[in-house]
């Protein structure tokens, strides 16, 4: 992303989730921040009202496969079929491979997408770390144009819900804005 502006691109993987995603959306609204949500197709199907809220509130969405498949452990045909299945509920030109794992053969077949990775991983999903560690990860490594990964999921809930408000507060005080990745 553009490193010349004081803009951060927050991203959230694995939702929508009935508890975590509304919390994130309420917090983003409070700070007038935008973000990008890489949604799992089955979750978008389970929670269509939350998925619609993401879009209606000015955020962008991306495809994160139908069932959170690991590209390294999945044959290319099955992987591509899973992405196509997710496209039925997730209308976007953005794609993020779960775990950041994608075979080159899979990537070549996804030319219809802009594949979005990251440069800052909060670590909120890691049950061996606490929210303070997640906050420190983000504050230490985020710069102009950084793409930061959080998760709107059950597994990440404790760390994300405690670290995200502090991340937003810290970077707003530093003069950063938060934008969605254009779809």
Protein backbone atom coordinates (compact mmCIF):
# COMPACT_ATOMS: atom_id res chain seq x y z
CA UNK A 1 0.00 0.00 0.00
CA UNK A 2 1.03 3.63 -0.29
CA UNK A 3 3.86 4.27 2.18
CA UNK A 4 3.67 8.03 1.62
CA UNK A 5 0.58 8.65 3.74
CA UNK A 6 -0.17 8.13 7.42
CA UNK A 7 -2.74 5.48 6.63
CA UNK A 8 -3.09 2.03 8.16
CA UNK A 9 -5.12 -0.77 6.62
CA UNK A 10 -6.70 -2.86 9.36
CA UNK A 11 -7.91 -6.26 8.20
CA UNK A 12 -9.98 -8.87 9.98
CA UNK A 13 -9.92 -12.54 9.02
CA UNK A 14 -12.32 -15.43 9.51
CA UNK A 15 -15.66 -13.71 10.20
CA UNK A 16 -18.31 -12.73 10.24
CA UNK A 17 -18.73 -13.83 13.84
CA UNK A 18 -21.86 -13.05 15.93
CA UNK A 19 -19.93 -11.53 18.85
CA UNK A 20 -16.57 -10.36 17.49
CA UNK A 21 -17.66 -8.70 14.24
CA UNK A 22 -20.34 -6.41 15.77
CA UNK A 23 -17.80 -5.43 18.46
CA UNK A 24 -15.25 -4.54 15.77
CA UNK A 25 -17.82 -2.63 13.71
CA UNK A 26 -18.97 -0.60 16.74
CA UNK A 27 -15.36 0.23 17.60
CA UNK A 28 -14.49 1.24 14.03
CA UNK A 29 -17.56 3.49 13.94
CA UNK A 30 -16.47 5.16 17.20
CA UNK A 31 -13.10 6.04 15.64
CA UNK A 32 -14.50 6.80 12.17
CA UNK A 33 -12.18 4.09 10.85
CA UNK A 34 -12.60 1.80 7.86
CA UNK A 35 -11.25 -1.72 7.48
CA UNK A 36 -11.28 -4.78 5.25
CA UNK A 37 -12.89 -8.04 6.33
CA UNK A 38 -11.65 -11.26 4.74
CA UNK A 39 -14.70 -13.44 5.24
CA UNK A 40 -15.10 -17.19 5.21
CA UNK A 41 -17.97 -18.09 2.89
CA UNK A 42 -19.73 -20.41 5.35
CA UNK A 43 -19.70 -17.62 7.97
CA UNK A 44 -21.09 -15.07 5.51
CA UNK A 45 -23.90 -17.56 4.83
CA UNK A 46 -24.53 -18.13 8.55
CA UNK A 47 -24.59 -14.41 9.42
CA UNK A 48 -25.84 -12.53 6.34
CA UNK A 49 -27.07 -9.58 8.43
CA UNK A 50 -23.60 -9.04 9.92
CA UNK A 51 -22.00 -9.45 6.49
CA UNK A 52 -24.40 -6.81 5.10
CA UNK A 53 -23.60 -4.49 8.00
CA UNK A 54 -19.88 -4.66 7.15
CA UNK A 55 -20.59 -3.42 3.63
CA UNK A 56 -23.30 -0.94 4.63
CA UNK A 57 -20.93 0.76 7.07
CA UNK A 58 -18.36 1.46 4.36
CA UNK A 59 -15.88 -1.35 4.84
CA UNK A 60 -14.64 -3.68 2.12
CA UNK A 61 -14.76 -7.46 2.07
CA UNK A 62 -12.57 -10.14 0.59
CA UNK A 63 -12.79 -13.86 -0.06
CA UNK A 64 -11.05 -16.07 2.51
CA UNK A 65 -12.32 -19.39 1.01
CA UNK A 66 -15.53 -21.18 1.88
CA UNK A 67 -14.08 -23.26 4.72
CA UNK A 68 -10.72 -21.71 5.67
CA UNK A 69 -8.59 -24.12 3.65
CA UNK A 70 -4.82 -24.23 3.88
CA UNK A 71 -3.55 -23.93 0.30
CA UNK A 72 -0.37 -25.87 1.07
CA UNK A 73 -2.39 -28.86 2.27
CA UNK A 74 -5.12 -28.78 -0.39
CA UNK A 75 -4.93 -29.86 -4.01
CA UNK A 76 -5.35 -26.98 -6.46
CA UNK A 77 -8.68 -28.11 -7.93
CA UNK A 78 -10.33 -28.49 -4.51
CA UNK A 79 -8.87 -25.17 -3.33
CA UNK A 80 -10.17 -23.29 -6.37
CA UNK A 81 -13.61 -24.91 -6.05
CA UNK A 82 -13.73 -23.77 -2.40
CA UNK A 83 -12.94 -20.19 -3.42
CA UNK A 84 -15.61 -20.31 -6.15
CA UNK A 85 -18.12 -21.59 -3.59
CA UNK A 86 -17.29 -18.62 -1.32
CA UNK A 87 -17.86 -16.23 -4.24
CA UNK A 88 -21.57 -17.05 -4.11
CA UNK A 89 -21.87 -15.03 -0.90
CA UNK A 90 -18.73 -12.86 -0.98
CA UNK A 91 -18.73 -10.44 -3.90
CA UNK A 92 -15.21 -9.06 -4.05
CA UNK A 93 -12.10 -8.87 -6.17
CA UNK A 94 -9.93 -9.28 -3.05
CA UNK A 95 -8.61 -12.61 -1.80
CA UNK A 96 -6.49 -13.58 1.20
CA UNK A 97 -5.33 -17.17 1.55
CA UNK A 98 -5.97 -18.63 5.02
CA UNK A 99 -2.71 -18.87 6.98
CA UNK A 100 -1.08 -16.90 4.14
CA UNK A 101 -0.44 -20.26 2.49
CA UNK A 102 -0.92 -20.53 -1.24
CA UNK A 103 0.81 -22.70 -3.83
CA UNK A 104 2.15 -20.86 -6.89
CA UNK A 105 -0.14 -22.99 -9.12
CA UNK A 106 -3.12 -21.80 -7.08
CA UNK A 107 -2.02 -18.17 -7.25
CA UNK A 108 -1.65 -18.33 -11.05
CA UNK A 109 -5.27 -19.51 -11.35
CA UNK A 110 -6.55 -16.63 -9.20
CA UNK A 111 -5.79 -13.80 -11.61
CA UNK A 112 -9.35 -12.50 -11.20
CA UNK A 113 -8.40 -11.53 -7.63
CA UNK A 114 -6.03 -9.07 -6.05
CA UNK A 115 -4.26 -11.25 -3.48
CA UNK A 116 -3.77 -9.33 -0.23
CA UNK A 117 -1.21 -10.45 2.32
CA UNK A 118 0.06 -8.31 5.25
CA UNK A 119 3.15 -6.86 6.84
CA UNK A 120 1.96 -6.83 10.48
CA UNK A 121 0.42 -9.83 12.20
CA UNK A 122 -1.13 -8.98 15.57
CA UNK A 123 -0.92 -12.57 16.79
CA UNK A 124 -4.36 -12.29 18.39
CA UNK A 125 -5.20 -15.88 17.42
CA UNK A 126 -2.24 -17.28 19.38
CA UNK A 127 -3.50 -18.68 22.68
CA UNK A 128 0.03 -18.56 24.15
CA UNK A 129 0.24 -14.75 24.04
CA UNK A 130 -1.80 -12.04 25.72
CA UNK A 131 -3.41 -8.84 24.45
CA UNK A 132 -0.45 -6.76 25.61
CA UNK A 133 1.83 -8.79 23.35
CA UNK A 134 -0.57 -8.29 20.43
CA UNK A 135 -0.63 -4.56 21.06
CA UNK A 136 3.16 -4.45 21.22
CA UNK A 137 3.42 -6.44 17.95
CA UNK A 138 1.23 -3.93 16.15
CA UNK A 139 2.71 -0.74 17.65
CA UNK A 140 6.32 -1.82 17.02
CA UNK A 141 5.88 -2.95 13.43
CA UNK A 142 3.20 -0.70 11.92
CA UNK A 143 4.25 2.10 9.56
CA UNK A 144 2.66 4.23 6.87
CA UNK A 145 0.68 1.95 4.57
CA UNK A 146 0.90 -1.15 6.77
CA UNK A 147 -1.65 -3.91 6.36
CA UNK A 148 -2.40 -5.22 9.86
CA UNK A 149 -4.14 -8.54 10.56
CA UNK A 150 -6.57 -9.11 13.40
CA UNK A 151 -9.23 -11.83 13.56
CA UNK A 152 -12.96 -11.48 14.20
CA UNK A 153 -13.28 -15.00 15.55
CA UNK A 154 -13.95 -16.88 18.77
CA UNK A 155 -10.35 -18.04 19.08
CA UNK A 156 -8.97 -14.48 18.87
CA UNK A 157 -11.74 -12.79 20.88
CA UNK A 158 -9.92 -12.15 24.19
CA UNK A 159 -6.74 -10.76 22.61
CA UNK A 160 -8.44 -8.86 19.81
CA UNK A 161 -11.11 -7.26 21.99
CA UNK A 162 -8.50 -6.00 24.44
CA UNK A 163 -5.77 -4.97 21.97
CA UNK A 164 -7.80 -3.40 19.14
CA UNK A 165 -9.20 -0.43 21.11
CA UNK A 166 -5.67 0.44 22.27
CA UNK A 167 -4.30 0.13 18.73
CA UNK A 168 -6.95 2.49 17.38
CA UNK A 169 -6.39 4.98 20.21
CA UNK A 170 -2.59 4.89 19.88
CA UNK A 171 -2.45 5.44 16.13
CA UNK A 172 -5.22 8.06 16.08
CA UNK A 173 -3.18 10.08 18.61
CA UNK A 174 -0.18 9.68 16.28
CA UNK A 175 -2.16 11.21 13.41
CA UNK A 176 -2.89 8.06 11.42
CA UNK A 177 -6.13 7.29 9.65
CA UNK A 178 -7.59 3.84 9.02
CA UNK A 179 -8.77 2.96 5.51
CA UNK A 180 -10.28 -0.03 3.78
CA UNK A 181 -8.33 -1.70 0.99
CA UNK A 182 -10.10 -0.78 -2.26
CA UNK A 183 -11.97 -3.81 -3.58
